[in-house]
Each structure stands twice: as structure tokens, then as C-alpha cells.
C-alpha atoms as a PDB file:
ATOM      1  CA  MET A   1     -20.164  -7.119 -12.845  1.00  0.00           C
ATOM      2  CA  ILE A   2     -19.340  -8.225 -16.365  1.00  0.00           C
ATOM      3  CA  ASN A   3     -21.048 -11.411 -17.471  1.00  0.00           C
ATOM      4  CA  ARG A   4     -18.298 -13.803 -18.499  1.00  0.00           C
ATOM      5  CA  GLU A   5     -18.305 -16.541 -21.127  1.00  0.00           C
ATOM      6  CA  GLY A   6     -20.586 -19.454 -20.229  1.00  0.00           C
ATOM      7  CA  GLY A   7     -22.796 -17.085 -18.230  1.00  0.00           C
ATOM      8  CA  SER A   8     -20.360 -17.012 -15.296  1.00  0.00           C
ATOM      9  CA  ASN A   9     -20.659 -14.072 -12.911  1.00  0.00           C
ATOM     10  CA  ARG A  10     -17.218 -14.606 -11.449  1.00  0.00           C
ATOM     11  CA  MET A  11     -15.381 -11.348 -10.853  1.00  0.00           C
ATOM     12  CA  LYS A  12     -11.862 -11.224 -12.280  1.00  0.00           C
ATOM     13  CA  ILE A  13      -9.285  -9.100 -10.493  1.00  0.00           C
ATOM     14  CA  LEU A  14      -5.853  -8.345 -11.941  1.00  0.00           C
ATOM     15  CA  VAL A  15      -3.303  -7.835  -9.141  1.00  0.00           C
ATOM     16  CA  THR A  16      -0.043  -6.134 -10.133  1.00  0.00           C
ATOM     17  CA  GLY A  17       2.918  -6.589  -7.783  1.00  0.00           C
ATOM     18  CA  CYS A  18       1.315  -9.763  -6.406  1.00  0.00           C
ATOM     19  CA  ASN A  19       4.506 -10.862  -4.632  1.00  0.00           C
ATOM     20  CA  GLY A  20       4.811  -7.748  -2.451  1.00  0.00           C
ATOM     21  CA  GLN A  21       3.411  -7.512   1.078  1.00  0.00           C
ATOM     22  CA  LEU A  22       0.078  -6.068  -0.055  1.00  0.00           C
ATOM     23  CA  GLY A  23      -0.190  -8.341  -3.104  1.00  0.00           C
ATOM     24  CA  ARG A  24       0.205 -11.381  -0.856  1.00  0.00           C
ATOM     25  CA  ALA A  25      -2.358  -9.973   1.592  1.00  0.00           C
ATOM     26  CA  ILE A  26      -4.864  -9.427  -1.264  1.00  0.00           C
ATOM     27  CA  ASN A  27      -4.463 -13.104  -2.189  1.00  0.00           C
ATOM     28  CA  GLU A  28      -5.003 -14.055   1.463  1.00  0.00           C
ATOM     29  CA  VAL A  29      -8.223 -12.040   2.015  1.00  0.00           C
ATOM     30  CA  TYR A  30      -9.830 -13.394  -1.170  1.00  0.00           C
ATOM     31  CA  LYS A  31      -8.861 -17.007  -0.340  1.00  0.00           C
ATOM     32  CA  ASP A  32     -12.417 -18.210   0.379  1.00  0.00           C
ATOM     33  CA  GLU A  33     -13.947 -16.473  -2.656  1.00  0.00           C
ATOM     34  CA  ILE A  34     -11.229 -17.943  -4.895  1.00  0.00           C
ATOM     35  CA  ALA A  35     -11.922 -21.421  -3.472  1.00  0.00           C
ATOM     36  CA  SER A  36     -15.684 -21.041  -4.053  1.00  0.00           C
ATOM     37  CA  GLY A  37     -15.153 -19.719  -7.590  1.00  0.00           C
ATOM     38  CA  GLU A  38     -16.729 -16.297  -6.917  1.00  0.00           C
ATOM     39  CA  ILE A  39     -13.472 -14.486  -7.599  1.00  0.00           C
ATOM     40  CA  GLN A  40     -10.590 -15.167  -9.951  1.00  0.00           C
ATOM     41  CA  LEU A  41      -7.320 -13.398  -9.152  1.00  0.00           C
ATOM     42  CA  ILE A  42      -4.959 -12.874 -12.068  1.00  0.00           C
ATOM     43  CA  ASN A  43      -1.604 -12.394 -10.348  1.00  0.00           C
ATOM     44  CA  SER A  44       1.185 -10.511 -12.081  1.00  0.00           C
ATOM     45  CA  ASP A  45       4.757  -9.801 -11.028  1.00  0.00           C
ATOM     46  CA  PHE A  46       8.290 -10.485 -12.238  1.00  0.00           C
ATOM     47  CA  GLY A  47       9.881 -13.890 -11.724  1.00  0.00           C
ATOM     48  CA  VAL A  48       7.039 -15.267  -9.607  1.00  0.00           C
ATOM     49  CA  GLU A  49       5.860 -18.817 -10.224  1.00  0.00           C
ATOM     50  CA  GLY A  50       2.259 -18.936 -11.401  1.00  0.00           C
ATOM     51  CA  ALA A  51       2.133 -15.180 -12.035  1.00  0.00           C
ATOM     52  CA  ILE A  52       2.061 -13.366 -15.377  1.00  0.00           C
ATOM     53  CA  SER A  53       5.087 -11.133 -16.023  1.00  0.00           C
ATOM     54  CA  ILE A  54       3.909  -7.647 -16.923  1.00  0.00           C
ATOM     55  CA  ASP A  55       5.810  -4.382 -17.264  1.00  0.00           C
ATOM     56  CA  ILE A  56       3.318  -1.709 -16.188  1.00  0.00           C
ATOM     57  CA  THR A  57       5.636   0.985 -17.595  1.00  0.00           C
ATOM     58  CA  ASP A  58       4.836  -0.363 -21.097  1.00  0.00           C
ATOM     59  CA  LEU A  59       1.382   0.814 -22.238  1.00  0.00           C
ATOM     60  CA  ASP A  60       1.090  -1.829 -24.976  1.00  0.00           C
ATOM     61  CA  ALA A  61       1.945  -4.594 -22.501  1.00  0.00           C
ATOM     62  CA  VAL A  62      -0.803  -3.350 -20.147  1.00  0.00           C
ATOM     63  CA  ARG A  63      -3.292  -3.153 -23.038  1.00  0.00           C
ATOM     64  CA  LYS A  64      -2.444  -6.713 -24.058  1.00  0.00           C
ATOM     65  CA  ILE A  65      -2.906  -8.264 -20.618  1.00  0.00           C
ATOM     66  CA  VAL A  66      -6.238  -6.483 -20.118  1.00  0.00           C
ATOM     67  CA  ALA A  67      -7.415  -7.542 -23.594  1.00  0.00           C
ATOM     68  CA  ASP A  68      -6.318 -11.153 -22.967  1.00  0.00           C
ATOM     69  CA  GLU A  69      -7.512 -11.563 -19.387  1.00  0.00           C
ATOM     70  CA  LYS A  70     -10.549  -9.224 -19.396  1.00  0.00           C
ATOM     71  CA  PRO A  71     -10.450  -8.299 -15.699  1.00  0.00           C
ATOM     72  CA  ASP A  72     -13.290  -6.374 -14.027  1.00  0.00           C
ATOM     73  CA  VAL A  73     -10.879  -4.676 -11.617  1.00  0.00           C
ATOM     74  CA  ILE A  74      -7.163  -3.876 -11.430  1.00  0.00           C
ATOM     75  CA  ILE A  75      -5.538  -3.602  -7.996  1.00  0.00           C
ATOM     76  CA  ASN A  76      -2.155  -1.931  -8.428  1.00  0.00           C
ATOM     77  CA  CYS A  77       0.203  -3.087  -5.666  1.00  0.00           C
ATOM     78  CA  ALA A  78       3.310  -2.591  -7.831  1.00  0.00           C
ATOM     79  CA  ALA A  79       5.596   0.208  -6.649  1.00  0.00           C
ATOM     80  CA  TYR A  80       9.176   1.339  -6.288  1.00  0.00           C
ATOM     81  CA  THR A  81       9.282   1.562  -2.486  1.00  0.00           C
ATOM     82  CA  ASN A  82      12.984   1.986  -1.686  1.00  0.00           C
ATOM     83  CA  VAL A  83      12.676   5.507  -0.299  1.00  0.00           C
ATOM     84  CA  ASN A  84      16.431   6.084   0.069  1.00  0.00           C
ATOM     85  CA  ALA A  85      17.388   4.647  -3.331  1.00  0.00           C
ATOM     86  CA  ALA A  86      14.734   6.817  -5.023  1.00  0.00           C
ATOM     87  CA  GLU A  87      16.807   9.899  -4.121  1.00  0.00           C
ATOM     88  CA  SER A  88      19.607   8.766  -6.457  1.00  0.00           C
ATOM     89  CA  ASP A  89      17.413   6.931  -8.989  1.00  0.00           C
ATOM     90  CA  GLU A  90      14.323   9.096  -9.365  1.00  0.00           C
ATOM     91  CA  ASP A  91      13.951   8.129 -13.042  1.00  0.00           C
ATOM     92  CA  THR A  92      13.321   4.466 -12.237  1.00  0.00           C
ATOM     93  CA  ALA A  93      11.036   5.392  -9.339  1.00  0.00           C
ATOM     94  CA  TYR A  94       9.111   7.738 -11.660  1.00  0.00           C
ATOM     95  CA  ARG A  95       8.643   5.066 -14.321  1.00  0.00           C
ATOM     96  CA  ILE A  96       7.212   2.566 -11.829  1.00  0.00           C
ATOM     97  CA  ASN A  97       5.355   4.952  -9.475  1.00  0.00           C
ATOM     98  CA  ALA A  98       4.027   7.447 -12.039  1.00  0.00           C
ATOM     99  CA  ILE A  99       4.135   6.093 -15.616  1.00  0.00           C
ATOM    100  CA  GLY A 100       2.961   2.627 -14.491  1.00  0.00           C
ATOM    101  CA  PRO A 101      -0.209   3.925 -12.795  1.00  0.00           C
ATOM    102  CA  LYS A 102      -0.788   6.270 -15.755  1.00  0.00           C
ATOM    103  CA  ASN A 103      -0.789   3.288 -18.136  1.00  0.00           C
ATOM    104  CA  LEU A 104      -3.104   1.290 -15.862  1.00  0.00           C
ATOM    105  CA  ALA A 105      -5.417   4.314 -15.640  1.00  0.00           C
ATOM    106  CA  ILE A 106      -5.519   4.801 -19.434  1.00  0.00           C
ATOM    107  CA  VAL A 107      -6.322   1.128 -20.025  1.00  0.00           C
ATOM    108  CA  SER A 108      -8.871   0.940 -17.190  1.00  0.00           C
ATOM    109  CA  LYS A 109     -10.779   3.783 -18.877  1.00  0.00           C
ATOM    110  CA  GLU A 110     -10.518   2.191 -22.337  1.00  0.00           C
ATOM    111  CA  ALA A 111     -11.841  -1.121 -20.956  1.00  0.00           C
ATOM    112  CA  ASP A 112     -14.386   0.575 -18.636  1.00  0.00           C
ATOM    113  CA  ILE A 113     -13.087  -1.257 -15.548  1.00  0.00           C
ATOM    114  CA  LYS A 114     -12.235  -0.234 -11.981  1.00  0.00           C
ATOM    115  CA  LEU A 115      -8.717   0.667 -10.822  1.00  0.00           C
ATOM    116  CA  VAL A 116      -7.532   0.525  -7.216  1.00  0.00           C
ATOM    117  CA  HIS A 117      -4.222   2.381  -6.922  1.00  0.00           C
ATOM    118  CA  VAL A 118      -2.215   2.269  -3.687  1.00  0.00           C
ATOM    119  CA  SER A 119      -0.364   5.419  -2.656  1.00  0.00           C
ATOM    120  CA  THR A 120       1.455   6.695   0.415  1.00  0.00           C
ATOM    121  CA  ASP A 121       1.668   9.096   3.365  1.00  0.00           C
ATOM    122  CA  TYR A 122       4.884  10.382   1.727  1.00  0.00           C
ATOM    123  CA  VAL A 123       2.798  12.644  -0.536  1.00  0.00           C
ATOM    124  CA  PHE A 124       2.638  14.934   2.548  1.00  0.00           C
ATOM    125  CA  ASP A 125       5.537  16.869   4.085  1.00  0.00           C
ATOM    126  CA  GLY A 126       4.768  15.898   7.684  1.00  0.00           C
ATOM    127  CA  THR A 127       4.406  19.434   9.069  1.00  0.00           C
ATOM    128  CA  ASN A 128       0.811  18.845  10.244  1.00  0.00           C
ATOM    129  CA  THR A 129      -0.024  18.437  13.909  1.00  0.00           C
ATOM    130  CA  VAL A 130      -3.418  16.810  13.236  1.00  0.00           C
ATOM    131  CA  PRO A 131      -4.092  13.758  11.025  1.00  0.00           C
ATOM    132  CA  TYR A 132      -4.126  14.407   7.275  1.00  0.00           C
ATOM    133  CA  VAL A 133      -7.521  14.078   5.566  1.00  0.00           C
ATOM    134  CA  GLU A 134      -8.003  13.112   1.916  1.00  0.00           C
ATOM    135  CA  THR A 135      -8.646  16.705   0.821  1.00  0.00           C
ATOM    136  CA  ASP A 136      -5.397  18.090   2.288  1.00  0.00           C
ATOM    137  CA  THR A 137      -2.988  19.358  -0.364  1.00  0.00           C
ATOM    138  CA  PRO A 138      -0.020  17.032  -0.959  1.00  0.00           C
ATOM    139  CA  LYS A 139       3.480  18.479  -0.633  1.00  0.00           C
ATOM    140  CA  PRO A 140       6.075  15.685  -0.921  1.00  0.00           C
ATOM    141  CA  LEU A 141       9.519  16.053   0.663  1.00  0.00           C
ATOM    142  CA  GLY A 142      11.571  13.742  -1.545  1.00  0.00           C
ATOM    143  CA  ALA A 143      11.824  11.683  -4.720  1.00  0.00           C
ATOM    144  CA  TYR A 144       9.673   8.786  -3.520  1.00  0.00           C
ATOM    145  CA  GLY A 145       6.841  11.097  -2.461  1.00  0.00           C
ATOM    146  CA  ARG A 146       7.110  13.140  -5.670  1.00  0.00           C
ATOM    147  CA  THR A 147       6.863  10.052  -7.883  1.00  0.00           C
ATOM    148  CA  LYS A 148       3.937   8.620  -5.904  1.00  0.00           C
ATOM    149  CA  TYR A 149       2.096  11.943  -6.034  1.00  0.00           C
ATOM    150  CA  ALA A 150       2.686  12.105  -9.813  1.00  0.00           C
ATOM    151  CA  GLY A 151       1.119   8.631 -10.008  1.00  0.00           C
ATOM    152  CA  GLU A 152      -1.966   9.849  -8.142  1.00  0.00           C
ATOM    153  CA  GLU A 153      -2.312  12.811 -10.498  1.00  0.00           C
ATOM    154  CA  PHE A 154      -2.035  10.570 -13.570  1.00  0.00           C
ATOM    155  CA  VAL A 155      -4.712   8.217 -12.204  1.00  0.00           C
ATOM    156  CA  MET A 156      -7.090  11.135 -11.582  1.00  0.00           C
ATOM    157  CA  GLN A 157      -6.430  12.585 -15.042  1.00  0.00           C
ATOM    158  CA  ASN A 158      -6.743   9.324 -17.003  1.00  0.00           C
ATOM    159  CA  ALA A 159      -9.133   6.977 -15.183  1.00  0.00           C
ATOM    160  CA  ASP A 160     -12.878   7.279 -14.590  1.00  0.00           C
ATOM    161  CA  LYS A 161     -13.539   4.491 -12.072  1.00  0.00           C
ATOM    162  CA  TYR A 162     -10.645   4.828  -9.645  1.00  0.00           C
ATOM    163  CA  PHE A 163      -9.935   4.414  -5.948  1.00  0.00           C
ATOM    164  CA  ILE A 164      -6.659   5.930  -4.725  1.00  0.00           C
ATOM    165  CA  VAL A 165      -5.806   4.475  -1.311  1.00  0.00           C
ATOM    166  CA  ARG A 166      -3.000   6.140   0.645  1.00  0.00           C
ATOM    167  CA  THR A 167      -1.443   4.003   3.340  1.00  0.00           C
ATOM    168  CA  ALA A 168       1.559   4.202   5.673  1.00  0.00           C
ATOM    169  CA  TRP A 169       4.077   2.195   7.693  1.00  0.00           C
ATOM    170  CA  LEU A 170       2.988  -1.048   6.010  1.00  0.00           C
ATOM    171  CA  TYR A 171       4.086  -4.486   7.214  1.00  0.00           C
ATOM    172  CA  GLY A 172       3.007  -7.956   6.108  1.00  0.00           C
ATOM    173  CA  ASP A 173       4.320 -11.151   4.570  1.00  0.00           C
ATOM    174  CA  GLY A 174       7.758 -10.108   3.314  1.00  0.00           C
ATOM    175  CA  LYS A 175      10.694  -7.933   4.320  1.00  0.00           C
ATOM    176  CA  ASN A 176       9.530  -5.225   6.736  1.00  0.00           C
ATOM    177  CA  PHE A 177      10.310  -3.159   9.828  1.00  0.00           C
ATOM    178  CA  VAL A 178       8.748  -5.687  12.236  1.00  0.00           C
ATOM    179  CA  LYS A 179      10.901  -8.556  10.973  1.00  0.00           C
ATOM    180  CA  THR A 180      14.008  -6.348  10.974  1.00  0.00           C
ATOM    181  CA  MET A 181      13.459  -5.413  14.638  1.00  0.00           C
ATOM    182  CA  LEU A 182      12.779  -9.027  15.695  1.00  0.00           C
ATOM    183  CA  SER A 183      15.907 -10.125  13.858  1.00  0.00           C
ATOM    184  CA  LEU A 184      17.969  -7.438  15.655  1.00  0.00           C
ATOM    185  CA  ALA A 185      16.501  -8.545  18.987  1.00  0.00           C
ATOM    186  CA  GLU A 186      18.031 -12.002  18.418  1.00  0.00           C
ATOM    187  CA  THR A 187      21.569 -10.584  18.381  1.00  0.00           C
ATOM    188  CA  HIS A 188      21.344  -7.287  20.316  1.00  0.00           C
ATOM    189  CA  ASP A 189      20.636  -6.396  23.959  1.00  0.00           C
ATOM    190  CA  GLU A 190      19.528  -2.941  22.855  1.00  0.00           C
ATOM    191  CA  VAL A 191      18.474  -1.138  19.676  1.00  0.00           C
ATOM    192  CA  SER A 192      18.224   2.568  18.867  1.00  0.00           C
ATOM    193  CA  VAL A 193      15.047   3.688  17.102  1.00  0.00           C
ATOM    194  CA  VAL A 194      13.785   7.150  16.152  1.00  0.00           C
ATOM    195  CA  CYS A 195      11.118   8.596  18.413  1.00  0.00           C
ATOM    196  CA  ASP A 196      10.297  11.872  16.620  1.00  0.00           C
ATOM    197  CA  GLN A 197       8.556  10.430  13.541  1.00  0.00           C
ATOM    198  CA  ILE A 198       4.883   9.772  14.245  1.00  0.00           C
ATOM    199  CA  GLY A 199       2.601   7.578  12.159  1.00  0.00           C
ATOM    200  CA  SER A 200       0.198   4.629  12.109  1.00  0.00           C
ATOM    201  CA  PRO A 201       1.741   1.169  11.650  1.00  0.00           C
ATOM    202  CA  THR A 202      -0.554  -0.642   9.203  1.00  0.00           C
ATOM    203  CA  SER A 203      -0.973  -4.362   8.655  1.00  0.00           C
ATOM    204  CA  ALA A 204      -1.115  -5.352   4.984  1.00  0.00           C
ATOM    205  CA  ILE A 205      -3.988  -7.709   5.854  1.00  0.00           C
ATOM    206  CA  GLU A 206      -5.967  -4.800   7.368  1.00  0.00           C
ATOM    207  CA  LEU A 207      -5.382  -2.746   4.208  1.00  0.00           C
ATOM    208  CA  ALA A 208      -6.338  -5.680   1.964  1.00  0.00           C
ATOM    209  CA  ARG A 209      -9.586  -6.175   3.942  1.00  0.00           C
ATOM    210  CA  ALA A 210     -10.458  -2.518   3.373  1.00  0.00           C
ATOM    211  CA  ILE A 211      -9.676  -2.725  -0.353  1.00  0.00           C
ATOM    212  CA  LYS A 212     -11.936  -5.786  -0.554  1.00  0.00           C
ATOM    213  CA  VAL A 213     -14.777  -3.669   0.898  1.00  0.00           C
ATOM    214  CA  LEU A 214     -14.042  -0.865  -1.582  1.00  0.00           C
ATOM    215  CA  VAL A 215     -13.920  -2.967  -4.780  1.00  0.00           C
ATOM    216  CA  PRO A 216     -17.670  -3.775  -5.202  1.00  0.00           C
ATOM    217  CA  THR A 217     -18.700  -0.136  -4.607  1.00  0.00           C
ATOM    218  CA  GLU A 218     -18.831   2.840  -6.942  1.00  0.00           C
ATOM    219  CA  GLU A 219     -17.634   5.260  -4.251  1.00  0.00           C
ATOM    220  CA  TYR A 220     -14.713   6.451  -6.364  1.00  0.00           C
ATOM    221  CA  GLY A 221     -12.066   8.916  -5.193  1.00  0.00           C
ATOM    222  CA  ILE A 222      -9.211   9.266  -2.711  1.00  0.00           C
ATOM    223  CA  TYR A 223      -9.095   7.280   0.547  1.00  0.00           C
ATOM    224  CA  HIS A 224      -6.740   7.118   3.488  1.00  0.00           C
ATOM    225  CA  GLY A 225      -6.250   3.559   4.703  1.00  0.00           C
ATOM    226  CA  THR A 226      -4.182   2.978   7.842  1.00  0.00           C
ATOM    227  CA  CYS A 227      -4.683   1.269  11.168  1.00  0.00           C
ATOM    228  CA  GLU A 228      -6.228   3.527  13.822  1.00  0.00           C
ATOM    229  CA  GLY A 229      -4.101   5.271  16.440  1.00  0.00           C
ATOM    230  CA  LYS A 230      -0.552   6.597  16.220  1.00  0.00           C
ATOM    231  CA  CYS A 231       2.902   6.078  17.690  1.00  0.00           C
ATOM    232  CA  SER A 232       6.580   6.671  17.001  1.00  0.00           C
ATOM    233  CA  TRP A 233       8.884   4.050  15.474  1.00  0.00           C
ATOM    234  CA  ALA A 234      10.423   3.583  18.932  1.00  0.00           C
ATOM    235  CA  ASP A 235       6.976   3.047  20.531  1.00  0.00           C
ATOM    236  CA  PHE A 236       6.136   0.590  17.756  1.00  0.00           C
ATOM    237  CA  THR A 237       9.352  -1.344  18.408  1.00  0.00           C
ATOM    238  CA  GLU A 238       8.583  -1.539  22.128  1.00  0.00           C
ATOM    239  CA  ALA A 239       5.107  -2.906  21.354  1.00  0.00           C
ATOM    240  CA  ILE A 240       6.622  -5.534  18.996  1.00  0.00           C
ATOM    241  CA  PHE A 241       9.140  -6.653  21.648  1.00  0.00           C
ATOM    242  CA  LEU A 242       6.470  -6.787  24.350  1.00  0.00           C
ATOM    243  CA  ILE A 243       4.172  -9.049  22.287  1.00  0.00           C
ATOM    244  CA  ALA A 244       7.099 -11.205  21.080  1.00  0.00           C
ATOM    245  CA  LYS A 245       8.447 -11.411  24.665  1.00  0.00           C
ATOM    246  CA  LYS A 246      11.845  -9.938  23.778  1.00  0.00           C
ATOM    247  CA  ASN A 247      13.887  -8.258  26.509  1.00  0.00           C
ATOM    248  CA  THR A 248      15.828  -6.037  24.103  1.00  0.00           C
ATOM    249  CA  LYS A 249      15.989  -2.436  25.305  1.00  0.00           C
ATOM    250  CA  VAL A 250      14.782   0.307  22.938  1.00  0.00           C
ATOM    251  CA  ASN A 251      16.809   3.533  23.009  1.00  0.00           C
ATOM    252  CA  HIS A 252      14.776   6.507  21.778  1.00  0.00           C
ATOM    253  CA  ILE A 253      16.823   8.657  19.390  1.00  0.00           C
ATOM    254  CA  THR A 254      16.006  11.673  17.218  1.00  0.00           C
ATOM    255  CA  THR A 255      15.960  11.658  13.413  1.00  0.00           C
ATOM    256  CA  ASP A 256      19.111  13.797  13.197  1.00  0.00           C
ATOM    257  CA  MET A 257      20.977  11.057  15.078  1.00  0.00           C
ATOM    258  CA  TYR A 258      20.097   8.595  12.304  1.00  0.00           C
ATOM    259  CA  PRO A 259      20.629  10.414   8.992  1.00  0.00           C
ATOM    260  CA  THR A 260      19.276   8.810   5.781  1.00  0.00           C
ATOM    261  CA  PRO A 261      19.504   9.902   2.108  1.00  0.00           C
ATOM    262  CA  ALA A 262      15.758  10.617   2.069  1.00  0.00           C
ATOM    263  CA  GLU A 263      14.035  13.035   4.415  1.00  0.00           C
ATOM    264  CA  ARG A 264      11.092  11.437   6.245  1.00  0.00           C
ATOM    265  CA  PRO A 265       7.847  13.217   7.184  1.00  0.00           C
ATOM    266  CA  ALA A 266       7.946  13.890  10.936  1.00  0.00           C
ATOM    267  CA  TYR A 267       4.173  13.439  11.246  1.00  0.00           C
ATOM    268  CA  SER A 268       2.355  11.231   8.777  1.00  0.00           C
ATOM    269  CA  VAL A 269      -0.806  10.213  10.592  1.00  0.00           C
ATOM    270  CA  LEU A 270      -3.644   9.787   8.083  1.00  0.00           C
ATOM    271  CA  ASP A 271      -7.313  10.187   8.986  1.00  0.00           C
ATOM    272  CA  ASN A 272      -9.449   7.465   7.308  1.00  0.00           C
ATOM    273  CA  LYS A 273     -12.308   9.946   6.921  1.00  0.00           C
ATOM    274  CA  ALA A 274     -13.553   8.755   3.507  1.00  0.00           C
ATOM    275  CA  PHE A 275     -13.722   5.108   4.621  1.00  0.00           C
ATOM    276  CA  ARG A 276     -15.792   6.128   7.661  1.00  0.00           C
ATOM    277  CA  ASP A 277     -18.035   8.700   5.978  1.00  0.00           C
ATOM    278  CA  ARG A 278     -18.690   6.967   2.652  1.00  0.00           C
ATOM    279  CA  LEU A 279     -18.601   3.300   3.659  1.00  0.00           C
ATOM    280  CA  GLY A 280     -19.013   3.279   7.442  1.00  0.00           C
ATOM    281  CA  TYR A 281     -15.784   1.253   7.544  1.00  0.00           C
ATOM    282  CA  GLU A 282     -13.349   1.239  10.490  1.00  0.00           C
ATOM    283  CA  PHE A 283      -9.806  -0.098  10.499  1.00  0.00           C
ATOM    284  CA  ALA A 284      -8.450  -2.037  13.483  1.00  0.00           C
ATOM    285  CA  ASP A 285      -6.279  -0.196  16.002  1.00  0.00           C
ATOM    286  CA  TRP A 286      -2.557  -0.560  15.242  1.00  0.00           C
ATOM    287  CA  LYS A 287      -1.959  -2.402  18.555  1.00  0.00           C
ATOM    288  CA  THR A 288      -4.672  -4.970  17.771  1.00  0.00           C
ATOM    289  CA  ALA A 289      -3.298  -5.435  14.236  1.00  0.00           C
ATOM    290  CA  ILE A 290       0.329  -5.998  15.298  1.00  0.00           C
ATOM    291  CA  GLU A 291      -0.846  -8.504  17.907  1.00  0.00           C
ATOM    292  CA  GLU A 292      -2.792 -10.416  15.250  1.00  0.00           C
ATOM    293  CA  TYR A 293       0.220 -10.305  12.901  1.00  0.00           C
ATOM    294  CA  LEU A 294       2.694 -11.610  15.495  1.00  0.00           C
ATOM    295  CA  LYS A 295       0.394 -14.324  16.807  1.00  0.00           C
END
């Protein structure tokens, strides 16, 4: 850890996209360390009170914030995540999901600091029948996956001390699938949800806890970070309604009955092999995590 002015050993972490679900979760899991003065989080996002505005697509802007703030670690939670919109606006998605991480990677190497970059299950095409491990070859289906995969490549090419963490089906403090379903349950007796896309619903808090374990290490490389177990979106919805005591019926439908601009991977279960093998770290089961989230 870099020794700061006045002999302080406080670790400084720059969080980009601090107002997203994961950014908020990162702030939550470091709450005690922030209070005790062990950790200082430098939050950055657009139009967020108390956060620094930074455009990660601008290399000079990234250089300036790192020179001014002197963080030990960057956690990149900033992303263009609108999967459907990315199909018609791949340029914007590419700037945020690929050029942004490239700039963060370049500057992290120049400053000799660690970079945690969050990626996605969408780098895979979903044709597997067994969980994807970190060494499987990415093959994205659409614009969102292509831009996120390009971001991974740029990080690997330009950074030395990097952790790439692929996650999936994320929900937390903010707009998400869980809240959408609970909102629908208030006004509908039944909802129709796809049952032929399989994945691992992942709590942003669970992912943030894992990133917190990763940060002090030097076990650099690619990680898969999702809650354990798997289900379909329809199964997930039923579990949400059961815990929330909603009587709304869930109709199981196939993907072709609910067409979207972007093609989704049919199977995007990730195996957290690197977390287990390198760090001995286990994620909570998705059912345990959704229960904790709703309660």
C-alpha cells in the first residue's frame, strides 16, 4: 500500500460509476473501513452529489483525476448496460464499455496501481451446457457483449495489475429485475416470464464483498463472480414472489414469445473457479442472496 502524506497508510480507492447498483454496493461493503479511516473511497459519476464528475472515455480526464487523487486502486463500475439500446447505438456502448476501460488500464499502468474491471456473462454466446470457466473463449452474440469483450481485451493489453470480474443477472440498490417484478405484482394477477434462459441471479452486495476480498491481493487475472446455483428468469420470479409473499402467478414462456432487439445467451451460468482455486472464496447461493436482499 502506498504511504500517503503525513505517514497515513489509508488505502484510497477510486470508484467509477459510483451511483450504479454495484457502485452503491461497494460503498456499502466498505462502510466500516471508511468510518474507521482505513479506506477512503473517491466516488465518481455524473450528476451525483458528493461525487467527482469524470468522463472515462477521455484519457486526459482520467490522467488528471488519478494525478490529483492518487488512488491505490480503481474499481470500474461504469458501463453502458442497456443491452437492447446497444444494438442501435453500438458507438456509444463501445466508447463507455471499451474505450473507457482502455483509458483506465493505460493510466493504472502509468501510475502503477491496481484496476478492478467489471465485465459480463454476455461475452459468451450461451451455447454451453456446463458452466463457463474463466479460460473459455468468449464469443459474444450482440453489441453489448462485443463492447464488453473489447473492454476486457483492452484491459489485458494495457494494464499490469488488473482483475477482470465477469458477473451476471445483477440486482441491487437501483432499477433492476427484482423491483420490476415486484412492481408488476402490485398491479397484475399474473406475469409472463421466460423460462429458457438459464443463469445465476447475483446480488450486487455479494459481488462487492468478493471484490473487497480481491483488492488487497496480487492474484491478477480473470474471475467469474456470480452467486452459486442456477435458475431461469421464471424460476427467479417465483422465488421473489414466494419470499415477498405475492400471490401473482408466473406463466413460463419461451424466448421467441418475448422478442427483444438484442439476442440473449440461452445459458450463461458462470463457474467461479478462480475465486475458489486462487482465494478459497465462495459466493452465497442465489436463493440465500435474494432472501437477504428482500429482507
